[in-house]
Amino acid sequence: MARIPMGPPTRVLVVLILLFTVHMLEIGVFAIAYALAERWLNLGAFAGEPIETLLDYYYFSAITYTSLGIGDIFPTEHLRFLTGVEALIGLLLIAWSASFLYAMMNRLWVWQPCARPDGPPQDMSGQPPAAQRQQGDTGENGGKT
């Protein structure tokens, strides 16, 4: 398979867009499942705001998948089980996506250390400890022999 040349920031952006698209498709699959379960399989109904279009199912599915849970639409009967399954799957997949992106950025980007390799300065001079010892070290007995 040919590799498309791109830098680390572009790779991360492409993966982020792909993950977003996959999550949107997963929400769509659950929206279709809700429509089928309510209208053709008669597994339950939705109460609250009326659901009239597929976009309304998609809205409810997105609210459930992200565990936002606004509460303006809620399922009854057996649809409650499907809602719980979607919330759990959404939680796991969003957490996995975040972990995957973090691992990818950690591997692709060079991180700068926050601390100095020789440790923090011992005084306010800003010099590393090794330089301070060389300047101020007079021996254990204060320079007297």
N, C-alpha and C. Protein backbone atom coordinates (compact mmCIF):
# COMPACT_ATOMS: atom_id res chain seq x y z
N MET A 1 0.85 -1.17 0.00
CA MET A 1 0.00 0.00 0.00
C MET A 1 0.89 1.23 0.00
N ALA A 2 0.57 2.17 -0.86
CA ALA A 2 1.36 3.39 -0.94
C ALA A 2 1.05 4.30 0.24
N ARG A 3 2.08 4.94 0.71
CA ARG A 3 1.92 5.87 1.84
C ARG A 3 1.83 7.28 1.29
N ILE A 4 0.92 8.03 1.82
CA ILE A 4 0.78 9.43 1.44
C ILE A 4 1.69 10.24 2.35
N PRO A 5 2.61 11.01 1.76
CA PRO A 5 3.52 11.78 2.62
C PRO A 5 2.79 12.93 3.30
N MET A 6 2.88 12.96 4.62
CA MET A 6 2.29 14.06 5.39
C MET A 6 3.00 14.14 6.73
N GLY A 7 3.06 15.36 7.26
CA GLY A 7 3.71 15.59 8.54
C GLY A 7 2.86 15.12 9.70
N PRO A 8 3.44 15.06 10.89
CA PRO A 8 2.69 14.61 12.07
C PRO A 8 1.41 15.40 12.35
N PRO A 9 1.41 16.75 12.28
CA PRO A 9 0.16 17.45 12.55
C PRO A 9 -0.94 17.10 11.56
N THR A 10 -0.57 16.92 10.30
CA THR A 10 -1.56 16.56 9.28
C THR A 10 -2.09 15.15 9.53
N ARG A 11 -1.21 14.24 9.91
CA ARG A 11 -1.65 12.87 10.23
C ARG A 11 -2.65 12.86 11.38
N VAL A 12 -2.35 13.60 12.41
CA VAL A 12 -3.25 13.66 13.57
C VAL A 12 -4.59 14.25 13.15
N LEU A 13 -4.57 15.28 12.32
CA LEU A 13 -5.82 15.90 11.85
C LEU A 13 -6.63 14.91 11.02
N VAL A 14 -5.97 14.18 10.14
CA VAL A 14 -6.67 13.19 9.31
C VAL A 14 -7.30 12.11 10.19
N VAL A 15 -6.56 11.61 11.16
CA VAL A 15 -7.10 10.58 12.05
C VAL A 15 -8.26 11.15 12.88
N LEU A 16 -8.15 12.38 13.32
CA LEU A 16 -9.23 13.02 14.08
C LEU A 16 -10.50 13.11 13.23
N ILE A 17 -10.36 13.52 11.98
CA ILE A 17 -11.51 13.62 11.09
C ILE A 17 -12.11 12.24 10.83
N LEU A 18 -11.26 11.24 10.64
CA LEU A 18 -11.76 9.87 10.43
C LEU A 18 -12.50 9.35 11.66
N LEU A 19 -11.95 9.58 12.84
CA LEU A 19 -12.63 9.14 14.06
C LEU A 19 -13.97 9.84 14.23
N PHE A 20 -14.02 11.13 13.95
CA PHE A 20 -15.27 11.88 14.04
C PHE A 20 -16.31 11.29 13.07
N THR A 21 -15.86 11.00 11.85
CA THR A 21 -16.77 10.44 10.85
C THR A 21 -17.29 9.07 11.28
N VAL A 22 -16.42 8.25 11.83
CA VAL A 22 -16.83 6.92 12.29
C VAL A 22 -17.84 7.04 13.43
N HIS A 23 -17.61 7.97 14.36
CA HIS A 23 -18.57 8.16 15.45
C HIS A 23 -19.92 8.63 14.91
N MET A 24 -19.91 9.52 13.92
CA MET A 24 -21.17 9.98 13.33
C MET A 24 -21.91 8.82 12.65
N LEU A 25 -21.17 7.94 11.98
CA LEU A 25 -21.79 6.77 11.36
C LEU A 25 -22.37 5.82 12.41
N GLU A 26 -21.66 5.63 13.51
CA GLU A 26 -22.16 4.78 14.59
C GLU A 26 -23.45 5.35 15.17
N ILE A 27 -23.50 6.64 15.33
CA ILE A 27 -24.73 7.28 15.82
C ILE A 27 -25.85 7.05 14.82
N GLY A 28 -25.54 7.14 13.53
CA GLY A 28 -26.54 6.89 12.49
C GLY A 28 -27.06 5.46 12.51
N VAL A 29 -26.18 4.50 12.75
CA VAL A 29 -26.61 3.10 12.84
C VAL A 29 -27.59 2.92 13.99
N PHE A 30 -27.30 3.52 15.13
CA PHE A 30 -28.22 3.43 16.26
C PHE A 30 -29.52 4.17 15.97
N ALA A 31 -29.48 5.28 15.25
CA ALA A 31 -30.70 6.00 14.90
C ALA A 31 -31.61 5.13 14.04
N ILE A 32 -31.02 4.44 13.07
CA ILE A 32 -31.81 3.53 12.23
C ILE A 32 -32.35 2.38 13.07
N ALA A 33 -31.55 1.88 14.00
CA ALA A 33 -32.02 0.80 14.89
C ALA A 33 -33.20 1.26 15.74
N TYR A 34 -33.16 2.49 16.24
CA TYR A 34 -34.28 3.02 17.01
C TYR A 34 -35.53 3.12 16.15
N ALA A 35 -35.38 3.62 14.92
CA ALA A 35 -36.54 3.74 14.04
C ALA A 35 -37.14 2.37 13.73
N LEU A 36 -36.29 1.40 13.43
CA LEU A 36 -36.78 0.04 13.16
C LEU A 36 -37.43 -0.56 14.39
N ALA A 37 -36.80 -0.40 15.55
CA ALA A 37 -37.32 -0.99 16.78
C ALA A 37 -38.66 -0.37 17.18
N GLU A 38 -38.83 0.91 16.94
CA GLU A 38 -40.08 1.55 17.34
C GLU A 38 -41.18 1.34 16.30
N ARG A 39 -40.88 1.56 15.05
CA ARG A 39 -41.93 1.57 14.03
C ARG A 39 -42.29 0.20 13.49
N TRP A 40 -41.31 -0.70 13.33
CA TRP A 40 -41.60 -1.98 12.70
C TRP A 40 -41.58 -3.15 13.67
N LEU A 41 -40.74 -3.10 14.67
CA LEU A 41 -40.66 -4.21 15.61
C LEU A 41 -41.52 -3.99 16.86
N ASN A 42 -42.01 -2.79 17.05
CA ASN A 42 -42.86 -2.44 18.20
C ASN A 42 -42.24 -2.85 19.53
N LEU A 43 -40.97 -2.51 19.72
CA LEU A 43 -40.27 -2.83 20.97
C LEU A 43 -40.46 -1.77 22.04
N GLY A 44 -41.15 -0.73 21.73
CA GLY A 44 -41.35 0.35 22.68
C GLY A 44 -41.68 1.63 21.93
N ALA A 45 -41.67 2.71 22.68
CA ALA A 45 -41.99 4.01 22.08
C ALA A 45 -41.12 5.07 22.74
N PHE A 46 -41.22 6.26 22.22
CA PHE A 46 -40.52 7.40 22.80
C PHE A 46 -41.55 8.36 23.37
N ALA A 47 -41.24 8.90 24.53
CA ALA A 47 -42.12 9.88 25.18
C ALA A 47 -41.40 11.21 25.21
N GLY A 48 -42.12 12.24 25.56
CA GLY A 48 -41.54 13.58 25.58
C GLY A 48 -41.80 14.27 24.25
N GLU A 49 -40.79 14.91 23.72
CA GLU A 49 -40.92 15.57 22.42
C GLU A 49 -41.24 14.53 21.34
N PRO A 50 -42.12 14.87 20.41
CA PRO A 50 -42.46 13.88 19.38
C PRO A 50 -41.30 13.63 18.41
N ILE A 51 -41.15 12.37 18.02
CA ILE A 51 -40.14 11.99 17.03
C ILE A 51 -40.89 11.73 15.72
N GLU A 52 -40.60 12.56 14.73
CA GLU A 52 -41.32 12.46 13.47
C GLU A 52 -40.43 12.09 12.29
N THR A 53 -39.16 12.45 12.34
CA THR A 53 -38.27 12.21 11.20
C THR A 53 -37.06 11.40 11.65
N LEU A 54 -36.29 10.94 10.67
CA LEU A 54 -35.07 10.21 10.98
C LEU A 54 -34.06 11.12 11.68
N LEU A 55 -34.11 12.41 11.41
CA LEU A 55 -33.22 13.35 12.09
C LEU A 55 -33.52 13.41 13.58
N ASP A 56 -34.79 13.26 13.95
CA ASP A 56 -35.14 13.21 15.38
C ASP A 56 -34.53 11.98 16.05
N TYR A 57 -34.57 10.84 15.36
CA TYR A 57 -33.91 9.64 15.88
C TYR A 57 -32.41 9.86 16.00
N TYR A 58 -31.84 10.53 15.00
CA TYR A 58 -30.40 10.80 15.01
C TYR A 58 -30.05 11.71 16.19
N TYR A 59 -30.89 12.71 16.44
CA TYR A 59 -30.67 13.61 17.59
C TYR A 59 -30.69 12.81 18.90
N PHE A 60 -31.71 11.96 19.07
CA PHE A 60 -31.78 11.17 20.29
C PHE A 60 -30.58 10.24 20.42
N SER A 61 -30.18 9.64 19.31
CA SER A 61 -29.03 8.74 19.32
C SER A 61 -27.75 9.48 19.69
N ALA A 62 -27.56 10.68 19.16
CA ALA A 62 -26.36 11.46 19.48
C ALA A 62 -26.34 11.85 20.96
N ILE A 63 -27.49 12.21 21.49
CA ILE A 63 -27.58 12.57 22.91
C ILE A 63 -27.25 11.36 23.78
N THR A 64 -27.71 10.19 23.37
CA THR A 64 -27.46 8.97 24.13
C THR A 64 -26.01 8.51 23.98
N TYR A 65 -25.49 8.51 22.75
CA TYR A 65 -24.13 8.03 22.47
C TYR A 65 -23.09 8.83 23.24
N THR A 66 -23.30 10.12 23.35
CA THR A 66 -22.35 10.97 24.06
C THR A 66 -22.63 11.04 25.56
N SER A 67 -23.65 10.36 26.01
CA SER A 67 -24.07 10.35 27.42
C SER A 67 -24.45 11.75 27.91
N LEU A 68 -24.89 12.59 27.00
CA LEU A 68 -25.31 13.94 27.38
C LEU A 68 -26.63 13.88 28.14
N GLY A 69 -27.59 13.13 27.63
CA GLY A 69 -28.83 12.88 28.34
C GLY A 69 -29.64 14.11 28.68
N ILE A 70 -30.04 14.86 27.68
CA ILE A 70 -30.82 16.08 27.93
C ILE A 70 -32.16 15.76 28.58
N GLY A 71 -32.85 14.73 28.11
CA GLY A 71 -34.09 14.30 28.74
C GLY A 71 -35.35 14.79 28.08
N ASP A 72 -35.24 15.48 26.94
CA ASP A 72 -36.45 15.94 26.27
C ASP A 72 -37.15 14.80 25.52
N ILE A 73 -36.42 13.76 25.18
CA ILE A 73 -36.97 12.55 24.57
C ILE A 73 -36.45 11.38 25.40
N PHE A 74 -37.34 10.45 25.75
CA PHE A 74 -36.88 9.29 26.50
C PHE A 74 -37.65 8.05 26.05
N PRO A 75 -36.97 6.91 26.07
CA PRO A 75 -37.59 5.67 25.59
C PRO A 75 -38.43 5.01 26.67
N THR A 76 -39.33 4.17 26.22
CA THR A 76 -40.14 3.36 27.13
C THR A 76 -39.99 1.89 26.72
N GLU A 77 -40.40 1.03 27.59
CA GLU A 77 -40.40 -0.42 27.38
C GLU A 77 -39.01 -0.93 27.00
N HIS A 78 -38.93 -1.80 25.99
CA HIS A 78 -37.66 -2.47 25.66
C HIS A 78 -36.65 -1.55 24.99
N LEU A 79 -37.07 -0.41 24.50
CA LEU A 79 -36.12 0.53 23.90
C LEU A 79 -35.15 1.08 24.94
N ARG A 80 -35.52 1.01 26.21
CA ARG A 80 -34.61 1.47 27.26
C ARG A 80 -33.33 0.64 27.28
N PHE A 81 -33.44 -0.66 27.00
CA PHE A 81 -32.25 -1.51 26.97
C PHE A 81 -31.32 -1.09 25.84
N LEU A 82 -31.87 -0.86 24.66
CA LEU A 82 -31.06 -0.42 23.53
C LEU A 82 -30.38 0.92 23.83
N THR A 83 -31.07 1.78 24.54
CA THR A 83 -30.50 3.07 24.93
C THR A 83 -29.31 2.88 25.87
N GLY A 84 -29.45 1.99 26.83
CA GLY A 84 -28.33 1.71 27.74
C GLY A 84 -27.14 1.11 27.03
N VAL A 85 -27.40 0.22 26.09
CA VAL A 85 -26.31 -0.38 25.31
C VAL A 85 -25.59 0.69 24.50
N GLU A 86 -26.35 1.58 23.87
CA GLU A 86 -25.72 2.64 23.08
C GLU A 86 -24.88 3.57 23.96
N ALA A 87 -25.38 3.91 25.14
CA ALA A 87 -24.62 4.79 26.04
C ALA A 87 -23.30 4.14 26.45
N LEU A 88 -23.34 2.85 26.75
CA LEU A 88 -22.12 2.14 27.14
C LEU A 88 -21.14 2.04 25.97
N ILE A 89 -21.64 1.71 24.80
CA ILE A 89 -20.77 1.63 23.62
C ILE A 89 -20.18 3.00 23.30
N GLY A 90 -21.00 4.04 23.38
CA GLY A 90 -20.49 5.39 23.12
C GLY A 90 -19.41 5.80 24.10
N LEU A 91 -19.61 5.50 25.37
CA LEU A 91 -18.61 5.82 26.39
C LEU A 91 -17.29 5.12 26.10
N LEU A 92 -17.36 3.83 25.80
CA LEU A 92 -16.15 3.06 25.53
C LEU A 92 -15.44 3.52 24.26
N LEU A 93 -16.18 3.77 23.20
CA LEU A 93 -15.55 4.15 21.94
C LEU A 93 -15.00 5.57 21.96
N ILE A 94 -15.67 6.47 22.64
CA ILE A 94 -15.13 7.83 22.76
C ILE A 94 -13.87 7.82 23.62
N ALA A 95 -13.88 7.04 24.70
CA ALA A 95 -12.67 6.94 25.54
C ALA A 95 -11.54 6.28 24.76
N TRP A 96 -11.84 5.24 23.99
CA TRP A 96 -10.81 4.59 23.18
C TRP A 96 -10.25 5.57 22.15
N SER A 97 -11.11 6.35 21.52
CA SER A 97 -10.65 7.32 20.52
C SER A 97 -9.72 8.35 21.14
N ALA A 98 -10.07 8.83 22.31
CA ALA A 98 -9.22 9.81 22.99
C ALA A 98 -7.87 9.18 23.35
N SER A 99 -7.88 7.96 23.84
CA SER A 99 -6.63 7.27 24.18
C SER A 99 -5.79 7.02 22.93
N PHE A 100 -6.42 6.64 21.85
CA PHE A 100 -5.71 6.39 20.59
C PHE A 100 -5.07 7.67 20.08
N LEU A 101 -5.81 8.78 20.11
CA LEU A 101 -5.24 10.06 19.66
C LEU A 101 -4.07 10.48 20.54
N TYR A 102 -4.20 10.30 21.84
CA TYR A 102 -3.11 10.66 22.74
C TYR A 102 -1.87 9.82 22.44
N ALA A 103 -2.05 8.52 22.28
CA ALA A 103 -0.91 7.64 21.98
C ALA A 103 -0.28 8.01 20.64
N MET A 104 -1.10 8.35 19.68
CA MET A 104 -0.58 8.73 18.37
C MET A 104 0.22 10.02 18.45
N MET A 105 -0.30 11.01 19.16
CA MET A 105 0.43 12.28 19.30
C MET A 105 1.71 12.07 20.09
N ASN A 106 1.67 11.23 21.08
CA ASN A 106 2.85 10.95 21.89
C ASN A 106 3.95 10.29 21.05
N ARG A 107 3.54 9.47 20.08
CA ARG A 107 4.50 8.78 19.23
C ARG A 107 5.02 9.68 18.11
N LEU A 108 4.17 10.55 17.57
CA LEU A 108 4.56 11.35 16.41
C LEU A 108 5.25 12.66 16.76
N TRP A 109 4.88 13.27 17.87
CA TRP A 109 5.43 14.58 18.19
C TRP A 109 6.56 14.44 19.21
N VAL A 110 7.59 15.22 19.01
CA VAL A 110 8.71 15.23 19.95
C VAL A 110 8.34 16.19 21.07
N TRP A 111 8.34 15.68 22.28
CA TRP A 111 7.97 16.49 23.43
C TRP A 111 9.23 17.09 24.04
N GLN A 112 9.14 18.31 24.46
CA GLN A 112 10.25 18.98 25.13
C GLN A 112 10.14 18.69 26.62
N PRO A 113 11.25 18.35 27.27
CA PRO A 113 11.17 18.08 28.71
C PRO A 113 10.85 19.36 29.47
N CYS A 114 10.07 19.20 30.51
CA CYS A 114 9.70 20.34 31.34
C CYS A 114 10.79 20.67 32.35
N ALA A 115 11.58 19.70 32.71
CA ALA A 115 12.61 19.91 33.72
C ALA A 115 13.99 19.87 33.07
N ARG A 116 14.93 20.47 33.72
CA ARG A 116 16.30 20.44 33.23
C ARG A 116 16.87 19.05 33.46
N PRO A 117 17.72 18.56 32.55
CA PRO A 117 18.26 17.21 32.72
C PRO A 117 19.14 17.06 33.95
N ASP A 118 19.74 18.15 34.41
CA ASP A 118 20.62 18.07 35.58
C ASP A 118 19.91 18.48 36.87
N GLY A 119 18.60 18.61 36.80
CA GLY A 119 17.83 18.94 37.99
C GLY A 119 17.61 20.44 38.13
N PRO A 120 16.79 20.82 39.09
CA PRO A 120 16.49 22.24 39.28
C PRO A 120 17.66 22.97 39.92
N PRO A 121 17.77 24.29 39.68
CA PRO A 121 18.83 25.05 40.34
C PRO A 121 18.63 25.05 41.85
N GLN A 122 19.73 25.09 42.58
CA GLN A 122 19.66 25.05 44.04
C GLN A 122 19.48 26.43 44.64
N ASP A 123 19.83 27.46 43.89
CA ASP A 123 19.65 28.81 44.41
C ASP A 123 19.06 29.68 43.31
N MET A 124 18.99 30.96 43.53
CA MET A 124 18.36 31.87 42.58
C MET A 124 19.29 32.29 41.45
N SER A 125 20.51 31.76 41.37
CA SER A 125 21.43 32.17 40.32
C SER A 125 21.02 31.64 38.96
N GLY A 126 20.21 30.59 38.92
CA GLY A 126 19.77 30.02 37.66
C GLY A 126 20.77 29.06 37.06
N GLN A 127 21.89 28.85 37.73
CA GLN A 127 22.90 27.94 37.22
C GLN A 127 22.56 26.52 37.65
N PRO A 128 22.94 25.53 36.83
CA PRO A 128 22.69 24.15 37.22
C PRO A 128 23.50 23.77 38.45
N PRO A 129 23.07 22.75 39.18
CA PRO A 129 23.78 22.35 40.40
C PRO A 129 25.25 22.01 40.18
N ALA A 130 25.60 21.41 39.03
CA ALA A 130 27.00 21.06 38.78
C ALA A 130 27.86 22.32 38.71
N ALA A 131 27.38 23.37 38.07
CA ALA A 131 28.14 24.62 37.97
C ALA A 131 28.24 25.30 39.33
N GLN A 132 27.19 25.18 40.15
CA GLN A 132 27.23 25.78 41.47
C GLN A 132 28.27 25.09 42.35
N ARG A 133 28.36 23.76 42.22
CA ARG A 133 29.34 23.02 43.02
C ARG A 133 30.76 23.40 42.61
N GLN A 134 30.99 23.59 41.31
CA GLN A 134 32.33 23.93 40.86
C GLN A 134 32.74 25.30 41.35
N GLN A 135 31.82 26.25 41.36
CA GLN A 135 32.15 27.61 41.79
C GLN A 135 32.29 27.71 43.30
N GLY A 136 31.40 27.06 44.02
CA GLY A 136 31.37 27.29 45.46
C GLY A 136 31.95 26.17 46.28
N ASP A 137 32.44 25.10 45.66
CA ASP A 137 32.94 23.96 46.42
C ASP A 137 34.37 24.24 46.90
N THR A 138 34.52 24.30 48.17
CA THR A 138 35.85 24.53 48.76
C THR A 138 36.28 23.33 49.58
N GLY A 139 35.54 22.26 49.45
CA GLY A 139 35.88 21.07 50.23
C GLY A 139 34.97 20.94 51.42
N GLU A 140 35.12 19.83 52.12
CA GLU A 140 34.25 19.57 53.25
C GLU A 140 34.60 20.40 54.47
N ASN A 141 35.83 20.83 54.58
CA ASN A 141 36.21 21.57 55.78
C ASN A 141 36.29 23.07 55.52
N GLY A 142 35.55 23.56 54.51
CA GLY A 142 35.48 25.00 54.29
C GLY A 142 36.72 25.58 53.65
N GLY A 143 37.52 24.79 52.95
CA GLY A 143 38.70 25.31 52.27
C GLY A 143 39.94 25.29 53.13
N LYS A 144 39.83 24.87 54.40
CA LYS A 144 40.98 24.82 55.30
C LYS A 144 41.57 23.42 55.28
N THR A 145 42.84 23.33 55.24
CA THR A 145 43.49 22.02 55.27
C THR A 145 44.23 21.78 56.55
